Amino acid sequence: MAIVKSKLLKQLSDNYPNFLKKDLEKFTNIILGEIKNALKRGDRVELRGFGVFSTNIQKARISRNPKTGEKVNTPQKKTIHFKMSKDLFKKLNDEEQ
């Protein structure tokens, strides 16, 4: 199950009842916006204990439409790469720390 922004905000408001929901929403929007802007600039985003977001450049290539078999030019594009931290890896795999 994926977590959506509204569920994240609900969990934050449940865990931190002293904060107003609109403040938590602003805080979340600022953090996500800064991550987006940093990736757009080509910077690396490191969240200690969680992981690292970075961008990779996928080269332009000639691909094939699987339905028709027709050759299609695919332009160069940026993709997001995520590498989880060792702490997160251990938590996901129930290893003792």
PDB file of N, CA and C in Angstrom:
ATOM      1  N   MET A   1       0.839  -1.176   0.000  1.00  0.00           N
ATOM      2  CA  MET A   1       0.000   0.000   0.000  1.00  0.00           C
ATOM      3  C   MET A   1       0.887   1.243   0.000  1.00  0.00           C
ATOM      4  N   ALA A   2       0.589   2.129  -0.876  1.00  0.00           N
ATOM      5  CA  ALA A   2       1.348   3.385  -0.969  1.00  0.00           C
ATOM      6  C   ALA A   2       0.785   4.388   0.029  1.00  0.00           C
ATOM      7  N   ILE A   3       1.637   5.275   0.472  1.00  0.00           N
ATOM      8  CA  ILE A   3       1.160   6.337   1.358  1.00  0.00           C
ATOM      9  C   ILE A   3       1.005   7.602   0.516  1.00  0.00           C
ATOM     10  N   VAL A   4      -0.145   8.208   0.645  1.00  0.00           N
ATOM     11  CA  VAL A   4      -0.416   9.438  -0.078  1.00  0.00           C
ATOM     12  C   VAL A   4      -0.236  10.610   0.885  1.00  0.00           C
ATOM     13  N   LYS A   5      -0.150  11.786   0.323  1.00  0.00           N
ATOM     14  CA  LYS A   5       0.142  12.977   1.120  1.00  0.00           C
ATOM     15  C   LYS A   5      -0.906  13.204   2.210  1.00  0.00           C
ATOM     16  N   SER A   6      -2.167  12.949   1.907  1.00  0.00           N
ATOM     17  CA  SER A   6      -3.223  13.170   2.904  1.00  0.00           C
ATOM     18  C   SER A   6      -3.068  12.215   4.093  1.00  0.00           C
ATOM     19  N   LYS A   7      -2.665  10.973   3.831  1.00  0.00           N
ATOM     20  CA  LYS A   7      -2.446  10.023   4.929  1.00  0.00           C
ATOM     21  C   LYS A   7      -1.217  10.411   5.742  1.00  0.00           C
ATOM     22  N   LEU A   8      -0.186  10.905   5.070  1.00  0.00           N
ATOM     23  CA  LEU A   8       1.007  11.372   5.769  1.00  0.00           C
ATOM     24  C   LEU A   8       0.652  12.533   6.693  1.00  0.00           C
ATOM     25  N   LEU A   9      -0.134  13.482   6.190  1.00  0.00           N
ATOM     26  CA  LEU A   9      -0.559  14.623   7.003  1.00  0.00           C
ATOM     27  C   LEU A   9      -1.426  14.169   8.182  1.00  0.00           C
ATOM     28  N   LYS A  10      -2.271  13.173   7.966  1.00  0.00           N
ATOM     29  CA  LYS A  10      -3.106  12.639   9.052  1.00  0.00           C
ATOM     30  C   LYS A  10      -2.229  12.024  10.135  1.00  0.00           C
ATOM     31  N   GLN A  11      -1.219  11.242   9.743  1.00  0.00           N
ATOM     32  CA  GLN A  11      -0.320  10.633  10.716  1.00  0.00           C
ATOM     33  C   GLN A  11       0.464  11.696  11.477  1.00  0.00           C
ATOM     34  N   LEU A  12       0.923  12.714  10.763  1.00  0.00           N
ATOM     35  CA  LEU A  12       1.654  13.790  11.430  1.00  0.00           C
ATOM     36  C   LEU A  12       0.767  14.517  12.430  1.00  0.00           C
ATOM     37  N   SER A  13      -0.472  14.791  12.051  1.00  0.00           N
ATOM     38  CA  SER A  13      -1.368  15.505  12.966  1.00  0.00           C
ATOM     39  C   SER A  13      -1.734  14.635  14.170  1.00  0.00           C
ATOM     40  N   ASP A  14      -1.820  13.318  13.980  1.00  0.00           N
ATOM     41  CA  ASP A  14      -2.086  12.417  15.103  1.00  0.00           C
ATOM     42  C   ASP A  14      -0.893  12.348  16.054  1.00  0.00           C
ATOM     43  N   ASN A  15       0.319  12.317  15.489  1.00  0.00           N
ATOM     44  CA  ASN A  15       1.529  12.208  16.305  1.00  0.00           C
ATOM     45  C   ASN A  15       1.923  13.531  16.958  1.00  0.00           C
ATOM     46  N   TYR A  16       1.571  14.643  16.322  1.00  0.00           N
ATOM     47  CA  TYR A  16       1.921  15.967  16.842  1.00  0.00           C
ATOM     48  C   TYR A  16       0.656  16.827  16.966  1.00  0.00           C
ATOM     49  N   PRO A  17      -0.168  16.560  17.981  1.00  0.00           N
ATOM     50  CA  PRO A  17      -1.446  17.282  18.092  1.00  0.00           C
ATOM     51  C   PRO A  17      -1.284  18.773  18.419  1.00  0.00           C
ATOM     52  N   ASN A  18      -0.106  19.187  18.873  1.00  0.00           N
ATOM     53  CA  ASN A  18       0.108  20.594  19.209  1.00  0.00           C
ATOM     54  C   ASN A  18       0.238  21.491  17.983  1.00  0.00           C
ATOM     55  N   PHE A  19       0.550  20.897  16.829  1.00  0.00           N
ATOM     56  CA  PHE A  19       0.692  21.670  15.598  1.00  0.00           C
ATOM     57  C   PHE A  19      -0.642  21.748  14.870  1.00  0.00           C
ATOM     58  N   LEU A  20      -0.903  22.874  14.251  1.00  0.00           N
ATOM     59  CA  LEU A  20      -2.108  23.017  13.439  1.00  0.00           C
ATOM     60  C   LEU A  20      -1.938  22.238  12.137  1.00  0.00           C
ATOM     61  N   LYS A  21      -3.037  21.717  11.629  1.00  0.00           N
ATOM     62  CA  LYS A  21      -2.972  20.924  10.392  1.00  0.00           C
ATOM     63  C   LYS A  21      -2.463  21.751   9.214  1.00  0.00           C
ATOM     64  N   LYS A  22      -2.871  23.026   9.158  1.00  0.00           N
ATOM     65  CA  LYS A  22      -2.417  23.867   8.037  1.00  0.00           C
ATOM     66  C   LYS A  22      -0.913  24.123   8.122  1.00  0.00           C
ATOM     67  N   ASP A  23      -0.363  24.207   9.339  1.00  0.00           N
ATOM     68  CA  ASP A  23       1.082  24.383   9.491  1.00  0.00           C
ATOM     69  C   ASP A  23       1.834  23.124   9.066  1.00  0.00           C
ATOM     70  N   LEU A  24       1.296  21.953   9.436  1.00  0.00           N
ATOM     71  CA  LEU A  24       1.916  20.697   9.017  1.00  0.00           C
ATOM     72  C   LEU A  24       1.875  20.545   7.498  1.00  0.00           C
ATOM     73  N   GLU A  25       0.779  20.994   6.892  1.00  0.00           N
ATOM     74  CA  GLU A  25       0.659  20.913   5.432  1.00  0.00           C
ATOM     75  C   GLU A  25       1.670  21.844   4.753  1.00  0.00           C
ATOM     76  N   LYS A  26       1.824  23.067   5.295  1.00  0.00           N
ATOM     77  CA  LYS A  26       2.816  24.000   4.751  1.00  0.00           C
ATOM     78  C   LYS A  26       4.219  23.432   4.881  1.00  0.00           C
ATOM     79  N   PHE A  27       4.509  22.874   6.045  1.00  0.00           N
ATOM     80  CA  PHE A  27       5.813  22.269   6.310  1.00  0.00           C
ATOM     81  C   PHE A  27       6.107  21.148   5.312  1.00  0.00           C
ATOM     82  N   THR A  28       5.123  20.264   5.112  1.00  0.00           N
ATOM     83  CA  THR A  28       5.279  19.145   4.175  1.00  0.00           C
ATOM     84  C   THR A  28       5.470  19.656   2.750  1.00  0.00           C
ATOM     85  N   ASN A  29       4.691  20.659   2.357  1.00  0.00           N
ATOM     86  CA  ASN A  29       4.817  21.220   1.003  1.00  0.00           C
ATOM     87  C   ASN A  29       6.182  21.859   0.783  1.00  0.00           C
ATOM     88  N   ILE A  30       6.704  22.528   1.798  1.00  0.00           N
ATOM     89  CA  ILE A  30       8.029  23.151   1.684  1.00  0.00           C
ATOM     90  C   ILE A  30       9.103  22.091   1.499  1.00  0.00           C
ATOM     91  N   ILE A  31       9.055  21.036   2.310  1.00  0.00           N
ATOM     92  CA  ILE A  31      10.067  19.975   2.217  1.00  0.00           C
ATOM     93  C   ILE A  31      10.012  19.294   0.850  1.00  0.00           C
ATOM     94  N   LEU A  32       8.813  18.886   0.429  1.00  0.00           N
ATOM     95  CA  LEU A  32       8.691  18.214  -0.866  1.00  0.00           C
ATOM     96  C   LEU A  32       9.071  19.140  -2.019  1.00  0.00           C
ATOM     97  N   GLY A  33       8.713  20.409  -1.900  1.00  0.00           N
ATOM     98  CA  GLY A  33       9.077  21.383  -2.933  1.00  0.00           C
ATOM     99  C   GLY A  33      10.586  21.564  -3.035  1.00  0.00           C
ATOM    100  N   GLU A  34      11.264  21.617  -1.891  1.00  0.00           N
ATOM    101  CA  GLU A  34      12.723  21.767  -1.906  1.00  0.00           C
ATOM    102  C   GLU A  34      13.409  20.532  -2.492  1.00  0.00           C
ATOM    103  N   ILE A  35      12.876  19.345  -2.197  1.00  0.00           N
ATOM    104  CA  ILE A  35      13.430  18.122  -2.793  1.00  0.00           C
ATOM    105  C   ILE A  35      13.262  18.169  -4.308  1.00  0.00           C
ATOM    106  N   LYS A  36      12.077  18.564  -4.774  1.00  0.00           N
ATOM    107  CA  LYS A  36      11.822  18.673  -6.222  1.00  0.00           C
ATOM    108  C   LYS A  36      12.765  19.679  -6.878  1.00  0.00           C
ATOM    109  N   ASN A  37      12.921  20.851  -6.253  1.00  0.00           N
ATOM    110  CA  ASN A  37      13.779  21.888  -6.823  1.00  0.00           C
ATOM    111  C   ASN A  37      15.233  21.445  -6.878  1.00  0.00           C
ATOM    112  N   ALA A  38      15.701  20.778  -5.834  1.00  0.00           N
ATOM    113  CA  ALA A  38      17.087  20.305  -5.816  1.00  0.00           C
ATOM    114  C   ALA A  38      17.318  19.267  -6.912  1.00  0.00           C
ATOM    115  N   LEU A  39      16.373  18.353  -7.094  1.00  0.00           N
ATOM    116  CA  LEU A  39      16.516  17.341  -8.147  1.00  0.00           C
ATOM    117  C   LEU A  39      16.440  17.988  -9.528  1.00  0.00           C
ATOM    118  N   LYS A  40      15.610  19.003  -9.665  1.00  0.00           N
ATOM    119  CA  LYS A  40      15.496  19.715 -10.943  1.00  0.00           C
ATOM    120  C   LYS A  40      16.813  20.399 -11.307  1.00  0.00           C
ATOM    121  N   ARG A  41      17.509  20.937 -10.284  1.00  0.00           N
ATOM    122  CA  ARG A  41      18.817  21.564 -10.508  1.00  0.00           C
ATOM    123  C   ARG A  41      19.918  20.543 -10.757  1.00  0.00           C
ATOM    124  N   GLY A  42      19.638  19.264 -10.483  1.00  0.00           N
ATOM    125  CA  GLY A  42      20.646  18.226 -10.666  1.00  0.00           C
ATOM    126  C   GLY A  42      21.430  17.938  -9.392  1.00  0.00           C
ATOM    127  N   ASP A  43      20.980  18.499  -8.272  1.00  0.00           N
ATOM    128  CA  ASP A  43      21.644  18.255  -6.997  1.00  0.00           C
ATOM    129  C   ASP A  43      21.214  16.906  -6.422  1.00  0.00           C
ATOM    130  N   ARG A  44      21.981  16.461  -5.446  1.00  0.00           N
ATOM    131  CA  ARG A  44      21.721  15.211  -4.754  1.00  0.00           C
ATOM    132  C   ARG A  44      21.048  15.559  -3.427  1.00  0.00           C
ATOM    133  N   VAL A  45      20.014  14.801  -3.046  1.00  0.00           N
ATOM    134  CA  VAL A  45      19.295  15.050  -1.796  1.00  0.00           C
ATOM    135  C   VAL A  45      19.530  13.861  -0.870  1.00  0.00           C
ATOM    136  N   GLU A  46      20.131  14.137   0.288  1.00  0.00           N
ATOM    137  CA  GLU A  46      20.425  13.077   1.249  1.00  0.00           C
ATOM    138  C   GLU A  46      19.613  13.295   2.512  1.00  0.00           C
ATOM    139  N   LEU A  47      18.816  12.297   2.865  1.00  0.00           N
ATOM    140  CA  LEU A  47      18.048  12.314   4.105  1.00  0.00           C
ATOM    141  C   LEU A  47      18.650  11.231   4.997  1.00  0.00           C
ATOM    142  N   ARG A  48      19.424  11.629   5.986  1.00  0.00           N
ATOM    143  CA  ARG A  48      20.141  10.682   6.836  1.00  0.00           C
ATOM    144  C   ARG A  48      19.170   9.697   7.480  1.00  0.00           C
ATOM    145  N   GLY A  49      19.541   8.438   7.445  1.00  0.00           N
ATOM    146  CA  GLY A  49      18.710   7.391   8.023  1.00  0.00           C
ATOM    147  C   GLY A  49      17.587   6.943   7.105  1.00  0.00           C
ATOM    148  N   PHE A  50      17.409   7.601   5.968  1.00  0.00           N
ATOM    149  CA  PHE A  50      16.352   7.230   5.027  1.00  0.00           C
ATOM    150  C   PHE A  50      16.941   6.834   3.680  1.00  0.00           C
ATOM    151  N   GLY A  51      17.688   7.751   3.040  1.00  0.00           N
ATOM    152  CA  GLY A  51      18.285   7.428   1.759  1.00  0.00           C
ATOM    153  C   GLY A  51      18.709   8.658   0.993  1.00  0.00           C
ATOM    154  N   VAL A  52      19.110   8.421  -0.256  1.00  0.00           N
ATOM    155  CA  VAL A  52      19.621   9.474  -1.121  1.00  0.00           C
ATOM    156  C   VAL A  52      18.838   9.474  -2.433  1.00  0.00           C
ATOM    157  N   PHE A  53      18.373  10.662  -2.839  1.00  0.00           N
ATOM    158  CA  PHE A  53      17.743  10.853  -4.143  1.00  0.00           C
ATOM    159  C   PHE A  53      18.756  11.541  -5.046  1.00  0.00           C
ATOM    160  N   SER A  54      18.891  11.059  -6.266  1.00  0.00           N
ATOM    161  CA  SER A  54      19.758  11.715  -7.244  1.00  0.00           C
ATOM    162  C   SER A  54      19.135  11.534  -8.624  1.00  0.00           C
ATOM    163  N   THR A  55      19.659  12.270  -9.593  1.00  0.00           N
ATOM    164  CA  THR A  55      19.139  12.151 -10.950  1.00  0.00           C
ATOM    165  C   THR A  55      20.169  11.453 -11.841  1.00  0.00           C
ATOM    166  N   ASN A  56      19.665  10.668 -12.761  1.00  0.00           N
ATOM    167  CA  ASN A  56      20.486  10.023 -13.781  1.00  0.00           C
ATOM    168  C   ASN A  56      19.992  10.508 -15.135  1.00  0.00           C
ATOM    169  N   ILE A  57      20.892  10.551 -16.091  1.00  0.00           N
ATOM    170  CA  ILE A  57      20.490  10.923 -17.448  1.00  0.00           C
ATOM    171  C   ILE A  57      20.397   9.650 -18.277  1.00  0.00           C
ATOM    172  N   GLN A  58      19.211   9.429 -18.825  1.00  0.00           N
ATOM    173  CA  GLN A  58      19.004   8.287 -19.694  1.00  0.00           C
ATOM    174  C   GLN A  58      19.256   8.752 -21.125  1.00  0.00           C
ATOM    175  N   LYS A  59      20.198   8.126 -21.794  1.00  0.00           N
ATOM    176  CA  LYS A  59      20.597   8.562 -23.134  1.00  0.00           C
ATOM    177  C   LYS A  59      19.466   8.389 -24.140  1.00  0.00           C
ATOM    178  N   ALA A  60      19.522   9.197 -25.183  1.00  0.00           N
ATOM    179  CA  ALA A  60      18.563   9.057 -26.284  1.00  0.00           C
ATOM    180  C   ALA A  60      18.827   7.722 -26.976  1.00  0.00           C
ATOM    181  N   ARG A  61      17.759   7.085 -27.441  1.00  0.00           N
ATOM    182  CA  ARG A  61      17.925   5.777 -28.065  1.00  0.00           C
ATOM    183  C   ARG A  61      16.797   5.520 -29.046  1.00  0.00           C
ATOM    184  N   ILE A  62      16.975   4.494 -29.816  1.00  0.00           N
ATOM    185  CA  ILE A  62      15.918   4.057 -30.729  1.00  0.00           C
ATOM    186  C   ILE A  62      15.249   2.855 -30.070  1.00  0.00           C
ATOM    187  N   SER A  63      13.975   3.003 -29.728  1.00  0.00           N
ATOM    188  CA  SER A  63      13.231   1.915 -29.100  1.00  0.00           C
ATOM    189  C   SER A  63      12.194   1.392 -30.088  1.00  0.00           C
ATOM    190  N   ARG A  64      11.457   0.406 -29.660  1.00  0.00           N
ATOM    191  CA  ARG A  64      10.500  -0.237 -30.560  1.00  0.00           C
ATOM    192  C   ARG A  64       9.119  -0.260 -29.909  1.00  0.00           C
ATOM    193  N   ASN A  65       8.110   0.075 -30.688  1.00  0.00           N
ATOM    194  CA  ASN A  65       6.726  -0.024 -30.230  1.00  0.00           C
ATOM    195  C   ASN A  65       6.361  -1.511 -30.218  1.00  0.00           C
ATOM    196  N   PRO A  66       6.070  -2.092 -29.046  1.00  0.00           N
ATOM    197  CA  PRO A  66       5.828  -3.531 -28.990  1.00  0.00           C
ATOM    198  C   PRO A  66       4.566  -3.980 -29.736  1.00  0.00           C
ATOM    199  N   LYS A  67       3.612  -3.082 -29.886  1.00  0.00           N
ATOM    200  CA  LYS A  67       2.365  -3.460 -30.552  1.00  0.00           C
ATOM    201  C   LYS A  67       2.543  -3.560 -32.070  1.00  0.00           C
ATOM    202  N   THR A  68       3.253  -2.572 -32.651  1.00  0.00           N
ATOM    203  CA  THR A  68       3.380  -2.534 -34.116  1.00  0.00           C
ATOM    204  C   THR A  68       4.760  -2.949 -34.595  1.00  0.00           C
ATOM    205  N   GLY A  69       5.755  -2.939 -33.705  1.00  0.00           N
ATOM    206  CA  GLY A  69       7.121  -3.262 -34.114  1.00  0.00           C
ATOM    207  C   GLY A  69       7.833  -2.086 -34.753  1.00  0.00           C
ATOM    208  N   GLU A  70       7.173  -0.939 -34.824  1.00  0.00           N
ATOM    209  CA  GLU A  70       7.728   0.266 -35.439  1.00  0.00           C
ATOM    210  C   GLU A  70       8.838   0.853 -34.558  1.00  0.00           C
ATOM    211  N   LYS A  71       9.907   1.347 -35.208  1.00  0.00           N
ATOM    212  CA  LYS A  71      11.003   1.979 -34.476  1.00  0.00           C
ATOM    213  C   LYS A  71      10.599   3.393 -34.076  1.00  0.00           C
ATOM    214  N   VAL A  72      10.933   3.770 -32.833  1.00  0.00           N
ATOM    215  CA  VAL A  72      10.562   5.071 -32.294  1.00  0.00           C
ATOM    216  C   VAL A  72      11.788   5.697 -31.662  1.00  0.00           C
ATOM    217  N   ASN A  73      12.031   6.980 -31.967  1.00  0.00           N
ATOM    218  CA  ASN A  73      13.134   7.690 -31.325  1.00  0.00           C
ATOM    219  C   ASN A  73      12.696   8.131 -29.933  1.00  0.00           C
ATOM    220  N   THR A  74      13.460   7.738 -28.917  1.00  0.00           N
ATOM    221  CA  THR A  74      13.195   8.154 -27.546  1.00  0.00           C
ATOM    222  C   THR A  74      14.247   9.190 -27.170  1.00  0.00           C
ATOM    223  N   PRO A  75      13.835  10.409 -26.820  1.00  0.00           N
ATOM    224  CA  PRO A  75      14.810  11.456 -26.503  1.00  0.00           C
ATOM    225  C   PRO A  75      15.499  11.219 -25.151  1.00  0.00           C
ATOM    226  N   GLN A  76      16.586  11.944 -24.946  1.00  0.00           N
ATOM    227  CA  GLN A  76      17.294  11.891 -23.668  1.00  0.00           C
ATOM    228  C   GLN A  76      16.379  12.440 -22.578  1.00  0.00           C
ATOM    229  N   LYS A  77      16.443  11.830 -21.385  1.00  0.00           N
ATOM    230  CA  LYS A  77      15.613  12.325 -20.290  1.00  0.00           C
ATOM    231  C   LYS A  77      16.287  12.041 -18.952  1.00  0.00           C
ATOM    232  N   LYS A  78      15.840  12.793 -17.935  1.00  0.00           N
ATOM    233  CA  LYS A  78      16.350  12.605 -16.582  1.00  0.00           C
ATOM    234  C   LYS A  78      15.430  11.642 -15.839  1.00  0.00           C
ATOM    235  N   THR A  79      16.027  10.778 -15.030  1.00  0.00           N
ATOM    236  CA  THR A  79      15.265   9.887 -14.176  1.00  0.00           C
ATOM    237  C   THR A  79      15.742  10.058 -12.744  1.00  0.00           C
ATOM    238  N   ILE A  80      14.907   9.701 -11.791  1.00  0.00           N
ATOM    239  CA  ILE A  80      15.263   9.804 -10.382  1.00  0.00           C
ATOM    240  C   ILE A  80      15.753   8.447  -9.899  1.00  0.00           C
ATOM    241  N   HIS A  81      16.864   8.464  -9.189  1.00  0.00           N
ATOM    242  CA  HIS A  81      17.445   7.254  -8.603  1.00  0.00           C
ATOM    243  C   HIS A  81      17.388   7.391  -7.090  1.00  0.00           C
ATOM    244  N   PHE A  82      16.941   6.336  -6.404  1.00  0.00           N
ATOM    245  CA  PHE A  82      16.875   6.348  -4.942  1.00  0.00           C
ATOM    246  C   PHE A  82      17.713   5.199  -4.412  1.00  0.00           C
ATOM    247  N   LYS A  83      18.565   5.509  -3.454  1.00  0.00           N
ATOM    248  CA  LYS A  83      19.340   4.478  -2.783  1.00  0.00           C
ATOM    249  C   LYS A  83      19.039   4.583  -1.293  1.00  0.00           C
ATOM    250  N   MET A  84      18.512   3.496  -0.723  1.00  0.00           N
ATOM    251  CA  MET A  84      18.142   3.540   0.688  1.00  0.00           C
ATOM    252  C   MET A  84      19.369   3.452   1.582  1.00  0.00           C
ATOM    253  N   SER A  85      19.236   3.985   2.798  1.00  0.00           N
ATOM    254  CA  SER A  85      20.334   3.946   3.756  1.00  0.00           C
ATOM    255  C   SER A  85      20.447   2.549   4.355  1.00  0.00           C
ATOM    256  N   LYS A  86      21.578   2.284   4.972  1.00  0.00           N
ATOM    257  CA  LYS A  86      21.774   0.990   5.625  1.00  0.00           C
ATOM    258  C   LYS A  86      20.787   0.797   6.763  1.00  0.00           C
ATOM    259  N   ASP A  87      20.477   1.878   7.487  1.00  0.00           N
ATOM    260  CA  ASP A  87      19.510   1.792   8.592  1.00  0.00           C
ATOM    261  C   ASP A  87      18.141   1.359   8.083  1.00  0.00           C
ATOM    262  N   LEU A  88      17.681   1.975   7.002  1.00  0.00           N
ATOM    263  CA  LEU A  88      16.383   1.627   6.433  1.00  0.00           C
ATOM    264  C   LEU A  88      16.400   0.193   5.911  1.00  0.00           C
ATOM    265  N   PHE A  89      17.491  -0.212   5.291  1.00  0.00           N
ATOM    266  CA  PHE A  89      17.618  -1.573   4.781  1.00  0.00           C
ATOM    267  C   PHE A  89      17.475  -2.582   5.919  1.00  0.00           C
ATOM    268  N   LYS A  90      18.153  -2.299   7.035  1.00  0.00           N
ATOM    269  CA  LYS A  90      18.084  -3.207   8.190  1.00  0.00           C
ATOM    270  C   LYS A  90      16.682  -3.255   8.778  1.00  0.00           C
ATOM    271  N   LYS A  91      15.999  -2.121   8.851  1.00  0.00           N
ATOM    272  CA  LYS A  91      14.635  -2.100   9.380  1.00  0.00           C
ATOM    273  C   LYS A  91      13.674  -2.870   8.482  1.00  0.00           C
ATOM    274  N   LEU A  92      13.827  -2.726   7.169  1.00  0.00           N
ATOM    275  CA  LEU A  92      12.962  -3.424   6.229  1.00  0.00           C
ATOM    276  C   LEU A  92      13.166  -4.927   6.278  1.00  0.00           C
ATOM    277  N   ASN A  93      14.383  -5.357   6.554  1.00  0.00           N
ATOM    278  CA  ASN A  93      14.716  -6.769   6.559  1.00  0.00           C
ATOM    279  C   ASN A  93      14.759  -7.368   7.955  1.00  0.00           C
ATOM    280  N   ASP A  94      14.241  -6.663   8.937  1.00  0.00           N
ATOM    281  CA  ASP A  94      14.156  -7.118  10.326  1.00  0.00           C
ATOM    282  C   ASP A  94      15.492  -7.602  10.890  1.00  0.00           C
ATOM    283  N   GLU A  95      16.565  -6.933  10.512  1.00  0.00           N
ATOM    284  CA  GLU A  95      17.869  -7.270  11.060  1.00  0.00           C
ATOM    285  C   GLU A  95      18.068  -6.460  12.326  1.00  0.00           C
ATOM    286  N   GLU A  96      18.771  -7.019  13.287  1.00  0.00           N
ATOM    287  CA  GLU A  96      19.043  -6.286  14.519  1.00  0.00           C
ATOM    288  C   GLU A  96      20.076  -5.214  14.262  1.00  0.00           C
ATOM    289  N   GLN A  97      19.936  -4.116  14.976  1.00  0.00           N
ATOM    290  CA  GLN A  97      20.867  -3.016  14.785  1.00  0.00           C
ATOM    291  C   GLN A  97      21.862  -2.951  15.897  1.00  0.00           C
TER     292      GLN A  97
END
